[in-house]
Amino acid sequence: MAPLTRMRAHHPGNIPNKDWAVEYYSQRSERPGSFIITEGAFPSAQCGGYLE
């Protein structure tokens, strides 16, 4: 499944938006038997490796 948090972290400090993640993954897991493999997110802006 396409990642959500890596390039769409628009909060200050590139912290992922919790509400977007909940909505995104909820919509994609509504069908019975869904199995979603998600991604990891950077714990801080310093760990991200991307410039703002």
N, C-alpha and C. Protein backbone atom coordinates (compact mmCIF):
# COMPACT_ATOMS: atom_id res chain seq x y z
N MET A 1 0.83 -1.17 0.00
CA MET A 1 0.00 0.00 0.00
C MET A 1 0.88 1.23 0.00
N ALA A 2 0.41 2.26 -0.64
CA ALA A 2 1.20 3.49 -0.74
C ALA A 2 1.41 4.12 0.64
N PRO A 3 2.60 4.64 0.89
CA PRO A 3 2.87 5.26 2.18
C PRO A 3 2.14 6.57 2.35
N LEU A 4 1.87 6.93 3.57
CA LEU A 4 1.18 8.18 3.86
C LEU A 4 2.08 9.17 4.58
N THR A 5 2.82 8.72 5.54
CA THR A 5 3.46 9.67 6.44
C THR A 5 4.78 10.23 5.95
N ARG A 6 5.49 9.57 5.09
CA ARG A 6 6.84 10.02 4.75
C ARG A 6 6.89 11.39 4.10
N MET A 7 6.11 11.63 3.09
CA MET A 7 6.18 12.91 2.39
C MET A 7 4.96 13.79 2.62
N ARG A 8 4.11 13.41 3.53
CA ARG A 8 2.92 14.20 3.80
C ARG A 8 2.86 14.64 5.25
N ALA A 9 3.99 14.80 5.84
CA ALA A 9 4.07 15.24 7.23
C ALA A 9 4.16 16.76 7.23
N HIS A 10 3.03 17.41 7.31
CA HIS A 10 3.01 18.87 7.18
C HIS A 10 3.01 19.61 8.51
N HIS A 11 3.00 18.91 9.60
CA HIS A 11 3.08 19.59 10.89
C HIS A 11 4.48 20.14 11.07
N PRO A 12 4.65 21.13 11.92
CA PRO A 12 6.00 21.65 12.18
C PRO A 12 6.95 20.53 12.59
N GLY A 13 8.15 20.56 12.05
CA GLY A 13 9.13 19.53 12.38
C GLY A 13 8.94 18.24 11.62
N ASN A 14 8.09 18.25 10.56
CA ASN A 14 7.82 17.05 9.75
C ASN A 14 7.25 15.90 10.56
N ILE A 15 6.43 16.20 11.52
CA ILE A 15 5.76 15.18 12.33
C ILE A 15 4.46 14.81 11.62
N PRO A 16 4.20 13.54 11.39
CA PRO A 16 2.99 13.14 10.67
C PRO A 16 1.71 13.59 11.38
N ASN A 17 0.71 13.88 10.58
CA ASN A 17 -0.60 14.27 11.09
C ASN A 17 -1.36 13.01 11.50
N LYS A 18 -1.57 12.86 12.79
CA LYS A 18 -2.21 11.65 13.32
C LYS A 18 -3.61 11.45 12.75
N ASP A 19 -4.37 12.52 12.59
CA ASP A 19 -5.74 12.39 12.09
C ASP A 19 -5.77 11.89 10.65
N TRP A 20 -4.83 12.34 9.82
CA TRP A 20 -4.77 11.86 8.44
C TRP A 20 -4.48 10.38 8.40
N ALA A 21 -3.54 9.95 9.23
CA ALA A 21 -3.16 8.54 9.23
C ALA A 21 -4.33 7.65 9.64
N VAL A 22 -5.05 8.06 10.66
CA VAL A 22 -6.20 7.28 11.12
C VAL A 22 -7.23 7.16 10.01
N GLU A 23 -7.56 8.26 9.36
CA GLU A 23 -8.56 8.24 8.29
C GLU A 23 -8.08 7.40 7.10
N TYR A 24 -6.85 7.61 6.69
CA TYR A 24 -6.28 6.93 5.53
C TYR A 24 -6.30 5.41 5.71
N TYR A 25 -5.75 4.94 6.81
CA TYR A 25 -5.66 3.50 7.02
C TYR A 25 -7.01 2.89 7.39
N SER A 26 -7.89 3.66 8.01
CA SER A 26 -9.24 3.16 8.31
C SER A 26 -10.01 2.91 7.02
N GLN A 27 -9.94 3.85 6.08
CA GLN A 27 -10.64 3.70 4.81
C GLN A 27 -10.17 2.47 4.05
N ARG A 28 -8.91 2.16 4.14
CA ARG A 28 -8.35 1.05 3.38
C ARG A 28 -8.45 -0.30 4.07
N SER A 29 -8.94 -0.30 5.27
CA SER A 29 -9.04 -1.58 5.99
C SER A 29 -10.49 -1.93 6.33
N GLU A 30 -11.45 -1.27 5.70
CA GLU A 30 -12.86 -1.52 6.02
C GLU A 30 -13.37 -2.87 5.52
N ARG A 31 -12.81 -3.37 4.46
CA ARG A 31 -13.30 -4.64 3.91
C ARG A 31 -12.87 -5.80 4.80
N PRO A 32 -13.75 -6.74 5.05
CA PRO A 32 -13.38 -7.90 5.85
C PRO A 32 -12.21 -8.65 5.21
N GLY A 33 -11.30 -9.09 6.03
CA GLY A 33 -10.15 -9.82 5.55
C GLY A 33 -8.99 -8.94 5.11
N SER A 34 -9.14 -7.63 5.27
CA SER A 34 -8.05 -6.72 4.87
C SER A 34 -6.82 -6.96 5.74
N PHE A 35 -5.68 -6.90 5.10
CA PHE A 35 -4.41 -7.03 5.81
C PHE A 35 -3.52 -5.91 5.30
N ILE A 36 -3.18 -4.99 6.15
CA ILE A 36 -2.42 -3.82 5.73
C ILE A 36 -1.03 -3.87 6.34
N ILE A 37 -0.05 -3.73 5.48
CA ILE A 37 1.33 -3.58 5.93
C ILE A 37 1.67 -2.11 5.76
N THR A 38 1.96 -1.46 6.85
CA THR A 38 2.21 -0.02 6.80
C THR A 38 3.71 0.26 6.81
N GLU A 39 4.04 1.49 6.97
CA GLU A 39 5.41 1.94 6.94
C GLU A 39 5.83 2.42 8.32
N GLY A 40 7.07 2.76 8.44
CA GLY A 40 7.56 3.39 9.66
C GLY A 40 7.65 4.89 9.46
N ALA A 41 7.62 5.63 10.51
CA ALA A 41 7.75 7.08 10.45
C ALA A 41 8.98 7.51 11.25
N PHE A 42 9.55 8.63 10.87
CA PHE A 42 10.70 9.14 11.60
C PHE A 42 10.28 9.66 12.96
N PRO A 43 10.98 9.31 14.01
CA PRO A 43 10.60 9.76 15.35
C PRO A 43 10.89 11.23 15.61
N SER A 44 11.75 11.84 14.79
CA SER A 44 12.03 13.27 14.94
C SER A 44 12.53 13.82 13.61
N ALA A 45 12.49 15.14 13.47
CA ALA A 45 12.95 15.77 12.23
C ALA A 45 14.43 15.49 11.97
N GLN A 46 15.23 15.40 13.01
CA GLN A 46 16.65 15.16 12.86
C GLN A 46 16.94 13.77 12.29
N CYS A 47 16.04 12.84 12.49
CA CYS A 47 16.24 11.47 12.00
C CYS A 47 15.75 11.29 10.57
N GLY A 48 15.04 12.26 10.03
CA GLY A 48 14.37 12.10 8.76
C GLY A 48 15.25 12.03 7.53
N GLY A 49 16.34 12.77 7.52
CA GLY A 49 17.20 12.75 6.36
C GLY A 49 16.73 13.62 5.21
N TYR A 50 15.65 14.38 5.40
CA TYR A 50 15.13 15.27 4.37
C TYR A 50 15.20 16.71 4.85
N LEU A 51 15.47 17.61 3.93
CA LEU A 51 15.40 19.02 4.27
C LEU A 51 13.95 19.47 4.26
N GLU A 52 13.64 20.49 5.01
CA GLU A 52 12.27 21.00 4.98
C GLU A 52 12.04 21.63 3.66
